[in-house]
Amino acid sequence: MAMNEPKEDINLDNIESSEWRDSIEYVIQNRGEKRTSQLLKELETYAYSAGVEIPFSANTPYINTIPVDKQHVFPGSINTEKRIRSLIRWNAMSMVVKANKEENGIGGHISTYASAATLYEVGFNHFFRARSEDHEGDSIYIQGHTAPGVYSRAFLEGRITEDQLTNFRRELKEGGGLSSYPHPWLMPDFWEFPTVSMGLGPLMAIYQARFNRYLEDRGLKKPSDAKVWAFLGDGETDEPETLGSISLAAREKLDNLIFVINCNLQRLDGPVRGNGNIVQELEASFRGVGWNVIKVLWGGDWDKLLAKDKDGLLVKRMNELIDGESQKLSIADGAYIRKHFFGKYPELLEMVKDYSDEQLEKMRRGGHDAEKVYSAYKSATDHKGAPTVILVRT
């Protein structure tokens, strides 16, 4: 508060803000979301015509796009799927470690799949469809560095052998091995698309979706609800090919295309945006050209706190986060989280006074909550008129 700002003005601002929030809530409850959106747009236009300078923003708040009351019901068994996911994640890690013990410097990636396991497993268990007599099947562009996790799942399914796992990145070893990354030339019976080089995955996914729609529009193949899924990491979005054709996808209204970007905030050589926010940056890029954007940032552990956040202070604190701070909080203990995240505002400390440090430490990011991920995927597959990008924080 400025030293010369009267306290009465501050109180008046609070009352005025509260009255406007109450009015908007009334319209939402009694006239619906469409009328609310229309009314806000009319107010914005009126303010512009009156000379009010409204700062432009292509961003929505740094919270989940789908509110709790509109979240789709998860159809699977949380505990069973978590157990399977844990086994796959463990095998993915151990195969890379074992390969490097047997042959020094063989390389491989551990943390990529460790962060993205829920994203893939929800897809495999509930959304991805294989080719059959009745369906042409979905096209899945796998992020190259998550290959160990896909191999690990295939091992549990009995599709590849233990010898092949042991010979990761050594295809010519006795008993056969596994290629470093997805490529049908190296493993034609396993991989369908090459994805790891120079942003090829997302670029090819866009043109695959466009070609599918081209054939349908000209009667060269039957219309289908088949989807093209592209999984990528936040770091690789800096490659020019990754985002180079996203405007084409929007212009062509490719609602058969879904991008899933694993925002673990980390690239091979450091943070993606240590002093910035890659999720918000990507949201602006995709929304700016007309994509449907779904953000999955906070796990269900945060829902109760957000429900208490009547004045928007918790959302304000979330909006203030930069990725370097988020990374520190992800490895910090509960006492640190209480002090440095909630402690910035006394009201937030009061909000979590009944939470133990252990509870605060275990509060998940959205990408590790299968229910949140499922709801985002369901909304994406149902969306019409534009491609969808799901920005998931892990």
Protein backbone atom coordinates (compact mmCIF):
# COMPACT_ATOMS: atom_id res chain seq x y z
CA MET A 1 0.00 0.00 0.00
CA ALA A 2 1.37 3.46 -0.85
CA MET A 3 2.00 5.64 2.20
CA ASN A 4 -0.33 8.39 0.94
CA GLU A 5 -3.15 6.07 -0.17
CA PRO A 6 -6.18 6.50 2.12
CA LYS A 7 -7.31 3.36 3.91
CA GLU A 8 -10.91 4.20 2.97
CA ASP A 9 -10.02 3.89 -0.74
CA ILE A 10 -8.54 0.43 -0.15
CA ASN A 11 -11.69 -0.71 1.63
CA LEU A 12 -13.84 0.73 -1.15
CA ASP A 13 -11.78 -1.16 -3.76
CA ASN A 14 -12.28 -4.41 -1.86
CA ILE A 15 -16.04 -3.86 -1.60
CA GLU A 16 -16.28 -2.92 -5.27
CA SER A 17 -14.28 -6.00 -6.34
CA SER A 18 -16.47 -8.23 -4.18
CA GLU A 19 -19.65 -6.80 -5.69
CA TRP A 20 -18.37 -7.39 -9.24
CA ARG A 21 -17.41 -10.98 -8.39
CA ASP A 22 -20.86 -11.57 -6.92
CA SER A 23 -22.48 -10.15 -10.05
CA ILE A 24 -20.44 -12.39 -12.34
CA GLU A 25 -21.23 -15.41 -10.17
CA TYR A 26 -24.94 -14.58 -10.43
CA VAL A 27 -24.75 -14.48 -14.24
CA ILE A 28 -22.82 -17.77 -14.32
CA GLN A 29 -25.38 -19.51 -12.14
CA ASN A 30 -28.50 -18.03 -13.74
CA ARG A 31 -27.60 -17.31 -17.38
CA GLY A 32 -24.78 -19.77 -18.06
CA GLU A 33 -21.21 -19.62 -19.27
CA LYS A 34 -22.00 -18.48 -22.81
CA ARG A 35 -23.87 -15.38 -21.61
CA THR A 36 -21.14 -14.66 -19.05
CA SER A 37 -18.48 -14.75 -21.76
CA GLN A 38 -20.57 -12.53 -24.01
CA LEU A 39 -21.14 -10.02 -21.23
CA LEU A 40 -17.44 -9.81 -20.34
CA LYS A 41 -16.58 -9.27 -24.01
CA GLU A 42 -19.13 -6.45 -24.21
CA LEU A 43 -17.63 -4.83 -21.11
CA GLU A 44 -14.15 -5.10 -22.59
CA THR A 45 -15.32 -3.47 -25.83
CA TYR A 46 -17.05 -0.69 -23.90
CA ALA A 47 -13.91 -0.05 -21.84
CA TYR A 48 -11.80 0.18 -25.01
CA SER A 49 -14.26 2.64 -26.58
CA ALA A 50 -14.05 4.75 -23.42
CA GLY A 51 -10.28 4.95 -23.78
CA VAL A 52 -9.35 2.48 -21.05
CA GLU A 53 -6.03 0.78 -21.77
CA ILE A 54 -6.43 -2.94 -21.06
CA PRO A 55 -3.14 -4.85 -21.05
CA PHE A 56 -3.12 -7.63 -23.63
CA SER A 57 -2.61 -11.18 -22.42
CA ALA A 58 -2.88 -14.45 -24.30
CA ASN A 59 -2.69 -16.30 -21.00
CA THR A 60 -5.18 -17.75 -18.58
CA PRO A 61 -4.31 -18.07 -14.87
CA TYR A 62 -1.64 -20.61 -13.88
CA ILE A 63 -4.19 -23.19 -12.75
CA ASN A 64 -5.91 -26.23 -14.24
CA THR A 65 -8.13 -25.42 -17.21
CA ILE A 66 -10.80 -27.94 -16.20
CA PRO A 67 -12.51 -27.07 -12.89
CA VAL A 68 -13.26 -29.83 -10.41
CA ASP A 69 -17.01 -29.75 -11.02
CA LYS A 70 -16.46 -30.41 -14.75
CA GLN A 71 -13.83 -33.09 -14.33
CA HIS A 72 -14.62 -36.36 -16.12
CA VAL A 73 -15.01 -39.45 -13.94
CA PHE A 74 -11.98 -41.74 -14.10
CA PRO A 75 -13.20 -45.17 -15.32
CA GLY A 76 -10.26 -47.32 -14.22
CA SER A 77 -8.79 -48.58 -10.96
CA ILE A 78 -6.46 -45.93 -9.53
CA ASN A 79 -4.55 -48.42 -7.35
CA THR A 80 -4.17 -51.14 -9.99
CA GLU A 81 -2.99 -48.72 -12.64
CA LYS A 82 -0.60 -47.07 -10.18
CA ARG A 83 0.94 -50.47 -9.40
CA ILE A 84 1.43 -51.28 -13.09
CA ARG A 85 2.81 -47.80 -13.72
CA SER A 86 5.33 -48.23 -10.90
CA LEU A 87 6.57 -51.52 -12.35
CA ILE A 88 6.99 -49.99 -15.79
CA ARG A 89 8.78 -46.93 -14.42
CA TRP A 90 11.15 -49.16 -12.42
CA ASN A 91 12.00 -51.39 -15.38
CA ALA A 92 12.55 -48.35 -17.60
CA MET A 93 15.08 -47.00 -15.14
CA SER A 94 16.80 -50.31 -14.44
CA MET A 95 17.28 -51.22 -18.11
CA VAL A 96 19.18 -47.97 -18.72
CA VAL A 97 21.29 -48.36 -15.57
CA LYS A 98 22.07 -52.01 -16.34
CA ALA A 99 23.04 -51.25 -19.94
CA ASN A 100 25.50 -48.59 -18.77
CA LYS A 101 27.01 -50.91 -16.17
CA GLU A 102 27.65 -53.55 -18.80
CA GLU A 103 29.04 -51.11 -21.35
CA ASN A 104 30.31 -47.78 -20.11
CA GLY A 105 28.96 -44.72 -21.90
CA ILE A 106 26.07 -46.44 -23.66
CA GLY A 107 23.79 -43.58 -22.56
CA GLY A 108 20.03 -43.45 -22.26
CA HIS A 109 17.40 -41.33 -20.55
CA ILE A 110 15.83 -42.04 -17.16
CA SER A 111 14.06 -38.91 -15.94
CA THR A 112 12.02 -38.25 -19.11
CA TYR A 113 9.83 -41.33 -18.75
CA ALA A 114 9.88 -41.07 -14.94
CA SER A 115 8.12 -37.71 -15.29
CA ALA A 116 5.84 -38.75 -18.17
CA ALA A 117 4.75 -42.25 -17.06
CA THR A 118 1.23 -41.19 -16.08
CA LEU A 119 0.75 -39.37 -19.40
CA TYR A 120 1.52 -42.49 -21.39
CA GLU A 121 -0.23 -45.01 -19.16
CA VAL A 122 -3.52 -43.11 -19.13
CA GLY A 123 -3.28 -43.01 -22.91
CA PHE A 124 -2.45 -46.70 -23.32
CA ASN A 125 -5.11 -47.82 -20.84
CA HIS A 126 -7.99 -45.59 -21.90
CA PHE A 127 -7.48 -43.75 -25.20
CA PHE A 128 -5.05 -45.18 -27.75
CA ARG A 129 -6.75 -47.48 -30.27
CA ALA A 130 -5.03 -50.05 -32.47
CA ARG A 131 -5.98 -50.83 -36.04
CA SER A 132 -8.79 -53.32 -36.47
CA GLU A 133 -11.41 -54.30 -39.00
CA ASP A 134 -13.70 -51.66 -37.55
CA HIS A 135 -11.22 -48.84 -36.88
CA GLU A 136 -8.20 -47.42 -38.69
CA GLY A 137 -6.40 -46.86 -35.39
CA ASP A 138 -4.80 -43.82 -33.81
CA SER A 139 -1.35 -42.54 -34.78
CA ILE A 140 0.96 -42.09 -31.77
CA TYR A 141 4.15 -40.05 -32.06
CA ILE A 142 6.18 -41.04 -28.99
CA GLN A 143 8.69 -38.58 -27.52
CA GLY A 144 12.04 -40.18 -28.36
CA HIS A 145 13.61 -39.96 -24.92
CA THR A 146 10.72 -41.90 -23.34
CA ALA A 147 11.51 -45.02 -25.39
CA PRO A 148 12.74 -47.00 -22.32
CA GLY A 149 9.27 -46.69 -20.78
CA VAL A 150 7.54 -47.97 -23.90
CA TYR A 151 9.97 -50.89 -24.07
CA SER A 152 9.31 -51.61 -20.40
CA ARG A 153 5.55 -51.74 -20.98
CA ALA A 154 6.03 -54.03 -23.99
CA PHE A 155 8.13 -56.35 -21.81
CA LEU A 156 5.30 -56.69 -19.26
CA GLU A 157 2.94 -57.42 -22.15
CA GLY A 158 5.26 -60.19 -23.36
CA ARG A 159 6.04 -58.46 -26.65
CA ILE A 160 9.80 -58.23 -26.12
CA THR A 161 12.23 -60.43 -24.19
CA GLU A 162 14.47 -59.86 -21.21
CA ASP A 163 17.51 -60.30 -23.47
CA GLN A 164 16.29 -57.41 -25.59
CA LEU A 165 15.86 -55.23 -22.50
CA THR A 166 19.35 -56.16 -21.34
CA ASN A 167 20.74 -55.21 -24.75
CA PHE A 168 19.19 -51.74 -24.79
CA ARG A 169 20.99 -49.59 -27.40
CA ARG A 170 22.91 -52.64 -28.68
CA GLU A 171 20.77 -54.12 -31.45
CA LEU A 172 23.52 -56.38 -32.83
CA LYS A 173 24.19 -58.23 -29.57
CA GLU A 174 23.36 -61.93 -29.36
CA GLY A 175 19.68 -62.35 -28.55
CA GLY A 176 18.80 -59.03 -30.16
CA GLY A 177 18.58 -55.57 -28.66
CA LEU A 178 16.56 -52.38 -28.69
CA SER A 179 17.19 -49.19 -30.64
CA SER A 180 17.91 -45.98 -28.75
CA TYR A 181 14.90 -44.14 -30.10
CA PRO A 182 11.67 -44.80 -32.05
CA HIS A 183 12.40 -45.60 -35.69
CA PRO A 184 10.60 -48.06 -38.00
CA TRP A 185 13.76 -48.64 -40.06
CA LEU A 186 15.51 -50.12 -37.02
CA MET A 187 12.49 -51.90 -35.49
CA PRO A 188 9.80 -52.19 -38.19
CA ASP A 189 7.58 -54.50 -36.13
CA PHE A 190 7.59 -52.17 -33.12
CA TRP A 191 7.87 -48.49 -34.07
CA GLU A 192 5.57 -46.80 -36.58
CA PHE A 193 7.04 -43.27 -36.66
CA PRO A 194 10.54 -41.78 -36.15
CA THR A 195 10.36 -38.90 -33.70
CA VAL A 196 13.58 -37.94 -31.97
CA SER A 197 15.45 -35.86 -34.57
CA MET A 198 15.03 -32.11 -35.09
CA GLY A 199 11.44 -31.75 -33.93
CA LEU A 200 10.22 -34.34 -36.44
CA GLY A 201 7.53 -35.79 -34.17
CA PRO A 202 5.25 -32.77 -33.79
CA LEU A 203 5.89 -31.57 -37.34
CA MET A 204 5.00 -34.94 -38.89
CA ALA A 205 2.00 -35.30 -36.57
CA ILE A 206 0.54 -32.06 -37.95
CA TYR A 207 0.94 -33.18 -41.55
CA GLN A 208 -0.33 -36.68 -40.75
CA ALA A 209 -3.51 -35.19 -39.27
CA ARG A 210 -3.84 -32.85 -42.23
CA PHE A 211 -3.38 -35.66 -44.76
CA ASN A 212 -5.97 -37.81 -42.98
CA ARG A 213 -8.46 -34.95 -43.15
CA TYR A 214 -7.52 -34.23 -46.79
CA LEU A 215 -8.39 -37.81 -47.78
CA GLU A 216 -11.69 -37.67 -45.89
CA ASP A 217 -12.71 -34.32 -47.39
CA ARG A 218 -12.20 -35.65 -50.91
CA GLY A 219 -14.00 -38.92 -50.37
CA LEU A 220 -10.81 -40.98 -50.67
CA LYS A 221 -11.37 -42.62 -47.30
CA LYS A 222 -14.25 -42.97 -44.91
CA PRO A 223 -14.61 -40.34 -42.18
CA SER A 224 -13.12 -41.56 -38.91
CA ASP A 225 -12.72 -40.41 -35.33
CA ALA A 226 -9.08 -41.58 -35.34
CA LYS A 227 -6.72 -39.21 -33.55
CA VAL A 228 -3.12 -38.23 -34.10
CA TRP A 229 -1.30 -37.90 -30.77
CA ALA A 230 2.11 -36.24 -30.47
CA PHE A 231 4.05 -36.44 -27.20
CA LEU A 232 6.90 -34.01 -26.72
CA GLY A 233 8.91 -32.27 -24.04
CA ASP A 234 8.92 -28.59 -23.17
CA GLY A 235 12.63 -28.31 -23.99
CA GLU A 236 12.23 -29.47 -27.57
CA THR A 237 9.70 -26.72 -28.28
CA ASP A 238 12.71 -24.44 -28.80
CA GLU A 239 13.51 -26.41 -31.97
CA PRO A 240 12.03 -24.33 -34.83
CA GLU A 241 10.40 -27.36 -36.47
CA THR A 242 8.37 -28.13 -33.34
CA LEU A 243 6.20 -25.01 -33.42
CA GLY A 244 6.84 -24.05 -37.03
CA SER A 245 3.53 -25.33 -38.45
CA ILE A 246 1.12 -24.96 -35.54
CA SER A 247 -0.72 -22.13 -37.31
CA LEU A 248 -1.44 -24.48 -40.24
CA ALA A 249 -3.07 -26.97 -37.87
CA ALA A 250 -5.33 -24.24 -36.50
CA ARG A 251 -6.26 -22.87 -39.94
CA GLU A 252 -7.16 -26.36 -41.12
CA LYS A 253 -9.24 -26.91 -37.95
CA LEU A 254 -7.51 -30.24 -37.30
CA ASP A 255 -9.55 -31.44 -34.34
CA ASN A 256 -8.12 -34.91 -35.01
CA LEU A 257 -4.76 -33.69 -33.64
CA ILE A 258 -3.68 -33.68 -29.98
CA PHE A 259 -0.30 -32.47 -28.66
CA VAL A 260 0.71 -33.54 -25.14
CA ILE A 261 3.65 -31.46 -23.88
CA ASN A 262 5.38 -32.81 -20.79
CA CYS A 263 6.44 -29.66 -18.96
CA ASN A 264 8.92 -31.05 -16.44
CA LEU A 265 10.69 -27.68 -16.76
CA GLN A 266 14.02 -29.40 -17.43
CA ARG A 267 16.05 -29.91 -20.60
CA LEU A 268 19.20 -32.01 -21.00
CA ASP A 269 21.54 -29.18 -19.97
CA GLY A 270 19.48 -27.25 -17.42
CA PRO A 271 16.13 -25.57 -16.80
CA VAL A 272 13.97 -24.80 -19.83
CA ARG A 273 13.06 -21.34 -18.52
CA GLY A 274 14.72 -20.83 -15.14
CA ASN A 275 13.63 -17.20 -14.84
CA GLY A 276 10.45 -17.55 -16.86
CA ASN A 277 7.42 -19.80 -17.20
CA ILE A 278 7.44 -22.21 -20.15
CA VAL A 279 3.81 -23.30 -19.63
CA GLN A 280 2.52 -19.74 -19.94
CA GLU A 281 4.84 -19.06 -22.87
CA LEU A 282 3.57 -22.10 -24.76
CA GLU A 283 -0.04 -21.32 -23.90
CA ALA A 284 0.33 -17.88 -25.47
CA SER A 285 1.92 -19.34 -28.61
CA PHE A 286 -0.79 -21.95 -29.15
CA ARG A 287 -3.76 -19.80 -28.13
CA GLY A 288 -2.44 -17.01 -30.33
CA VAL A 289 -2.85 -19.11 -33.47
CA GLY A 290 -6.16 -20.68 -32.46
CA TRP A 291 -5.46 -23.97 -30.68
CA ASN A 292 -7.60 -25.28 -27.86
CA VAL A 293 -5.31 -25.23 -24.80
CA ILE A 294 -5.81 -27.42 -21.72
CA LYS A 295 -3.49 -26.95 -18.74
CA VAL A 296 -2.95 -29.71 -16.17
CA LEU A 297 -0.74 -28.11 -13.54
CA TRP A 298 -1.93 -29.06 -10.05
CA GLY A 299 -2.95 -32.46 -8.69
CA GLY A 300 -6.16 -33.15 -6.82
CA ASP A 301 -4.40 -32.45 -3.50
CA TRP A 302 -4.72 -28.75 -4.33
CA ASP A 303 -8.46 -28.78 -5.04
CA LYS A 304 -9.55 -28.12 -1.44
CA LEU A 305 -7.17 -25.20 -1.10
CA LEU A 306 -8.31 -23.66 -4.38
CA ALA A 307 -11.94 -24.04 -3.27
CA LYS A 308 -11.09 -21.95 -0.19
CA ASP A 309 -9.41 -19.28 -2.30
CA LYS A 310 -12.37 -16.90 -2.45
CA ASP A 311 -10.26 -13.75 -2.91
CA GLY A 312 -7.91 -15.28 -5.50
CA LEU A 313 -4.77 -14.90 -3.39
CA LEU A 314 -3.64 -18.51 -3.89
CA VAL A 315 -4.09 -18.19 -7.67
CA LYS A 316 -2.14 -14.92 -7.50
CA ARG A 317 0.72 -16.76 -5.77
CA MET A 318 0.60 -19.52 -8.39
CA ASN A 319 0.75 -16.92 -11.16
CA GLU A 320 3.89 -15.46 -9.58
CA LEU A 321 5.86 -18.71 -9.84
CA ILE A 322 8.81 -18.89 -12.19
CA ASP A 323 10.14 -22.26 -13.25
CA GLY A 324 13.34 -22.06 -11.24
CA GLU A 325 11.26 -21.57 -8.10
CA SER A 326 8.96 -24.43 -9.09
CA GLN A 327 11.94 -26.76 -9.51
CA LYS A 328 13.25 -25.85 -6.07
CA LEU A 329 9.83 -26.45 -4.52
CA SER A 330 9.61 -29.87 -6.20
CA ILE A 331 12.58 -31.18 -4.18
CA ALA A 332 12.05 -29.15 -1.00
CA ASP A 333 10.61 -30.40 2.27
CA GLY A 334 7.28 -29.27 3.64
CA ALA A 335 8.77 -26.66 5.96
CA TYR A 336 10.47 -24.94 3.03
CA ILE A 337 7.27 -25.05 0.96
CA ARG A 338 5.28 -23.57 3.84
CA LYS A 339 7.77 -20.74 4.31
CA HIS A 340 8.65 -19.86 0.73
CA PHE A 341 5.46 -20.62 -1.20
CA PHE A 342 2.62 -20.06 1.26
CA GLY A 343 4.61 -17.77 3.54
CA LYS A 344 4.69 -14.92 1.06
CA TYR A 345 1.18 -13.97 2.20
CA PRO A 346 -0.05 -14.39 5.81
CA GLU A 347 -3.50 -15.38 4.55
CA LEU A 348 -2.03 -18.38 2.71
CA LEU A 349 -0.17 -19.49 5.83
CA GLU A 350 -3.49 -19.41 7.65
CA MET A 351 -5.04 -21.46 4.83
CA VAL A 352 -2.58 -24.35 5.39
CA LYS A 353 -2.27 -24.12 9.16
CA ASP A 354 -3.93 -27.55 9.56
CA TYR A 355 -1.63 -29.18 6.98
CA SER A 356 1.45 -31.00 8.23
CA ASP A 357 4.81 -30.44 6.55
CA GLU A 358 4.59 -34.01 5.26
CA GLN A 359 1.24 -33.27 3.60
CA LEU A 360 2.61 -30.17 1.91
CA GLU A 361 5.63 -32.07 0.63
CA LYS A 362 3.45 -34.78 -0.96
CA MET A 363 1.11 -32.44 -2.85
CA ARG A 364 1.42 -33.48 -6.49
CA ARG A 365 1.78 -31.73 -9.78
CA GLY A 366 -1.02 -32.29 -12.27
CA GLY A 367 0.91 -34.63 -14.54
CA HIS A 368 1.20 -37.23 -11.78
CA ASP A 369 -2.55 -37.31 -11.09
CA ALA A 370 -4.17 -39.93 -13.34
CA GLU A 371 -7.65 -38.47 -12.80
CA LYS A 372 -6.58 -35.00 -13.93
CA VAL A 373 -4.75 -36.41 -16.95
CA TYR A 374 -7.72 -38.59 -17.93
CA SER A 375 -10.08 -35.63 -17.77
CA ALA A 376 -7.79 -33.56 -19.99
CA TYR A 377 -7.50 -36.37 -22.55
CA LYS A 378 -11.27 -36.89 -22.57
CA SER A 379 -11.88 -33.18 -23.13
CA ALA A 380 -9.29 -33.14 -25.91
CA THR A 381 -10.82 -36.10 -27.75
CA ASP A 382 -14.29 -34.54 -27.48
CA HIS A 383 -13.25 -31.08 -28.69
CA LYS A 384 -14.42 -29.98 -32.13
CA GLY A 385 -13.21 -27.29 -34.50
CA ALA A 386 -9.56 -26.90 -33.51
CA PRO A 387 -6.48 -28.94 -32.57
CA THR A 388 -5.77 -29.33 -28.86
CA VAL A 389 -2.54 -28.97 -26.91
CA ILE A 390 -2.37 -30.30 -23.35
CA LEU A 391 0.30 -28.58 -21.24
CA VAL A 392 1.12 -30.87 -18.33
CA ARG A 393 3.35 -29.91 -15.41
CA THR A 394 5.37 -32.81 -14.00
